[in-house]
Amino acid sequence: MPWRPAPAHGSVGTIAGVATLGGLSFLIYRRRTVGLVFSATTRNDKAMYVSLTVTIVLGLAATVVEERGCPPMDMPTGPAAEPGRAGARLRGGVFTSGRGRSATGRPRPSS
């Protein structure tokens, strides 16, 4: 399937991300302006708000970049792309580790 850019209008991900940032902004505003809530704020609360904000902003940025039509990455395919097969090769239908034996421990088939 050929790559096609996404439509220019916003998607559900962008709308949800903006709404989440708006809600988080409201919570931070309330925490700073209401005296009882501000006095109960700990360092852990502040660290949580920072980590939530960074996570949401990065996710929203990734969503916007994807919607703008960023081409997909070329991911490797085939036997060498499988997890745990770094440097493995396929010879005669058997994975080989490059050390004279197959990945299963059997002698490598002759080419």
C-alpha atoms as a PDB file:
ATOM      1  CA  MET A   1       0.000   0.000   0.000  1.00  0.00           C
ATOM      2  CA  PRO A   2       1.571   3.338  -0.993  1.00  0.00           C
ATOM      3  CA  TRP A   3       2.028   6.045   1.600  1.00  0.00           C
ATOM      4  CA  ARG A   4      -0.516   8.862   1.529  1.00  0.00           C
ATOM      5  CA  PRO A   5      -0.543  11.944   3.742  1.00  0.00           C
ATOM      6  CA  ALA A   6      -3.279  12.229   6.330  1.00  0.00           C
ATOM      7  CA  PRO A   7      -6.103  14.742   5.831  1.00  0.00           C
ATOM      8  CA  ALA A   8      -5.437  18.243   7.147  1.00  0.00           C
ATOM      9  CA  HIS A   9      -8.318  18.314   9.656  1.00  0.00           C
ATOM     10  CA  GLY A  10      -7.786  17.399  13.328  1.00  0.00           C
ATOM     11  CA  SER A  11      -8.353  13.896  14.535  1.00  0.00           C
ATOM     12  CA  VAL A  12      -9.733  12.428  17.709  1.00  0.00           C
ATOM     13  CA  GLY A  13      -6.189  12.116  19.111  1.00  0.00           C
ATOM     14  CA  THR A  14      -5.466  15.821  18.720  1.00  0.00           C
ATOM     15  CA  ILE A  15      -8.841  16.823  20.135  1.00  0.00           C
ATOM     16  CA  ALA A  16      -8.372  14.497  23.126  1.00  0.00           C
ATOM     17  CA  GLY A  17      -4.808  15.754  23.696  1.00  0.00           C
ATOM     18  CA  VAL A  18      -5.874  19.396  23.668  1.00  0.00           C
ATOM     19  CA  ALA A  19      -8.789  18.625  26.003  1.00  0.00           C
ATOM     20  CA  THR A  20      -6.439  16.776  28.364  1.00  0.00           C
ATOM     21  CA  LEU A  21      -4.004  19.695  28.408  1.00  0.00           C
ATOM     22  CA  GLY A  22      -6.910  22.034  29.122  1.00  0.00           C
ATOM     23  CA  GLY A  23      -8.049  19.880  32.048  1.00  0.00           C
ATOM     24  CA  LEU A  24      -4.516  19.635  33.401  1.00  0.00           C
ATOM     25  CA  SER A  25      -4.127  23.411  33.107  1.00  0.00           C
ATOM     26  CA  PHE A  26      -7.350  23.864  35.084  1.00  0.00           C
ATOM     27  CA  LEU A  27      -6.106  21.520  37.824  1.00  0.00           C
ATOM     28  CA  ILE A  28      -2.765  23.333  38.075  1.00  0.00           C
ATOM     29  CA  TYR A  29      -4.534  26.731  38.148  1.00  0.00           C
ATOM     30  CA  ARG A  30      -6.831  25.521  40.939  1.00  0.00           C
ATOM     31  CA  ARG A  31      -3.908  24.103  42.905  1.00  0.00           C
ATOM     32  CA  ARG A  32      -2.088  27.463  42.708  1.00  0.00           C
ATOM     33  CA  THR A  33      -5.073  29.747  43.457  1.00  0.00           C
ATOM     34  CA  VAL A  34      -7.071  27.916  46.143  1.00  0.00           C
ATOM     35  CA  GLY A  35      -5.328  28.383  49.486  1.00  0.00           C
ATOM     36  CA  LEU A  36      -6.243  25.060  51.103  1.00  0.00           C
ATOM     37  CA  VAL A  37      -5.240  23.078  48.034  1.00  0.00           C
ATOM     38  CA  PHE A  38      -2.003  25.066  47.640  1.00  0.00           C
ATOM     39  CA  SER A  39      -1.031  24.477  51.256  1.00  0.00           C
ATOM     40  CA  ALA A  40      -1.587  20.724  50.871  1.00  0.00           C
ATOM     41  CA  THR A  41       0.655  20.534  47.765  1.00  0.00           C
ATOM     42  CA  THR A  42       3.785  18.414  48.221  1.00  0.00           C
ATOM     43  CA  ARG A  43       6.924  18.020  46.120  1.00  0.00           C
ATOM     44  CA  ASN A  44       5.550  14.706  44.882  1.00  0.00           C
ATOM     45  CA  ASP A  45       2.424  16.506  43.604  1.00  0.00           C
ATOM     46  CA  LYS A  46       4.570  18.981  41.710  1.00  0.00           C
ATOM     47  CA  ALA A  47       6.731  16.201  40.244  1.00  0.00           C
ATOM     48  CA  MET A  48       3.583  14.334  39.178  1.00  0.00           C
ATOM     49  CA  TYR A  49       2.220  17.403  37.381  1.00  0.00           C
ATOM     50  CA  VAL A  50       5.534  17.946  35.610  1.00  0.00           C
ATOM     51  CA  SER A  51       5.761  14.317  34.471  1.00  0.00           C
ATOM     52  CA  LEU A  52       2.108  14.291  33.359  1.00  0.00           C
ATOM     53  CA  THR A  53       2.571  17.502  31.401  1.00  0.00           C
ATOM     54  CA  VAL A  54       5.741  16.276  29.673  1.00  0.00           C
ATOM     55  CA  THR A  55       4.130  12.944  28.787  1.00  0.00           C
ATOM     56  CA  ILE A  56       0.963  14.525  27.416  1.00  0.00           C
ATOM     57  CA  VAL A  57       2.859  17.177  25.422  1.00  0.00           C
ATOM     58  CA  LEU A  58       5.161  14.560  23.850  1.00  0.00           C
ATOM     59  CA  GLY A  59       2.204  12.341  22.968  1.00  0.00           C
ATOM     60  CA  LEU A  60       0.312  15.276  21.488  1.00  0.00           C
ATOM     61  CA  ALA A  61       3.366  16.328  19.480  1.00  0.00           C
ATOM     62  CA  ALA A  62       3.733  12.797  18.094  1.00  0.00           C
ATOM     63  CA  THR A  63       0.049  12.759  17.167  1.00  0.00           C
ATOM     64  CA  VAL A  64       0.253  16.126  15.403  1.00  0.00           C
ATOM     65  CA  VAL A  65       3.404  15.123  13.497  1.00  0.00           C
ATOM     66  CA  GLU A  66       1.738  11.895  12.387  1.00  0.00           C
ATOM     67  CA  GLU A  67      -1.385  13.774  11.261  1.00  0.00           C
ATOM     68  CA  ARG A  68       0.690  16.262   9.282  1.00  0.00           C
ATOM     69  CA  GLY A  69       1.763  13.477   6.975  1.00  0.00           C
ATOM     70  CA  CYS A  70       5.125  12.381   8.303  1.00  0.00           C
ATOM     71  CA  PRO A  71       6.130   9.358   6.200  1.00  0.00           C
ATOM     72  CA  PRO A  72       6.295   6.087   8.094  1.00  0.00           C
ATOM     73  CA  MET A  73       9.665   4.675   9.112  1.00  0.00           C
ATOM     74  CA  ASP A  74      11.093   1.840   7.049  1.00  0.00           C
ATOM     75  CA  MET A  75      11.141  -1.002   9.528  1.00  0.00           C
ATOM     76  CA  PRO A  76      13.311  -4.028   8.781  1.00  0.00           C
ATOM     77  CA  THR A  77      11.465  -7.204   7.967  1.00  0.00           C
ATOM     78  CA  GLY A  78      12.449 -10.818   7.757  1.00  0.00           C
ATOM     79  CA  PRO A  79      14.365 -13.187  10.001  1.00  0.00           C
ATOM     80  CA  ALA A  80      17.029 -10.689  11.119  1.00  0.00           C
ATOM     81  CA  ALA A  81      14.313  -8.328  12.424  1.00  0.00           C
ATOM     82  CA  GLU A  82      12.938 -10.883  14.879  1.00  0.00           C
ATOM     83  CA  PRO A  83      13.651 -10.237  18.569  1.00  0.00           C
ATOM     84  CA  GLY A  84      16.677 -12.083  19.887  1.00  0.00           C
ATOM     85  CA  ARG A  85      18.108 -12.674  16.426  1.00  0.00           C
ATOM     86  CA  ALA A  86      20.737  -9.954  16.285  1.00  0.00           C
ATOM     87  CA  GLY A  87      23.182 -10.854  13.558  1.00  0.00           C
ATOM     88  CA  ALA A  88      21.360 -14.071  12.705  1.00  0.00           C
ATOM     89  CA  ARG A  89      21.221 -15.208   9.096  1.00  0.00           C
ATOM     90  CA  LEU A  90      18.960 -17.660   7.345  1.00  0.00           C
ATOM     91  CA  ARG A  91      20.813 -20.405   5.478  1.00  0.00           C
ATOM     92  CA  GLY A  92      18.993 -23.318   3.993  1.00  0.00           C
ATOM     93  CA  GLY A  93      15.894 -22.643   6.102  1.00  0.00           C
ATOM     94  CA  VAL A  94      17.897 -22.685   9.398  1.00  0.00           C
ATOM     95  CA  PHE A  95      18.817 -19.634  11.471  1.00  0.00           C
ATOM     96  CA  THR A  96      22.557 -19.419  11.998  1.00  0.00           C
ATOM     97  CA  SER A  97      24.374 -17.413  14.615  1.00  0.00           C
ATOM     98  CA  GLY A  98      27.568 -16.947  12.596  1.00  0.00           C
ATOM     99  CA  ARG A  99      29.689 -19.120  14.928  1.00  0.00           C
ATOM    100  CA  GLY A 100      29.601 -22.373  12.956  1.00  0.00           C
ATOM    101  CA  ARG A 101      26.403 -23.630  14.558  1.00  0.00           C
ATOM    102  CA  SER A 102      22.753 -22.833  14.004  1.00  0.00           C
ATOM    103  CA  ALA A 103      20.858 -20.819  16.582  1.00  0.00           C
ATOM    104  CA  THR A 104      19.377 -24.101  17.826  1.00  0.00           C
ATOM    105  CA  GLY A 105      22.852 -25.580  18.454  1.00  0.00           C
ATOM    106  CA  ARG A 106      22.920 -27.949  15.478  1.00  0.00           C
ATOM    107  CA  PRO A 107      25.842 -27.805  13.061  1.00  0.00           C
ATOM    108  CA  ARG A 108      25.350 -25.257  10.299  1.00  0.00           C
ATOM    109  CA  PRO A 109      24.217 -26.747   6.955  1.00  0.00           C
ATOM    110  CA  SER A 110      26.781 -26.442   4.218  1.00  0.00           C
ATOM    111  CA  SER A 111      25.988 -23.881   1.524  1.00  0.00           C
END
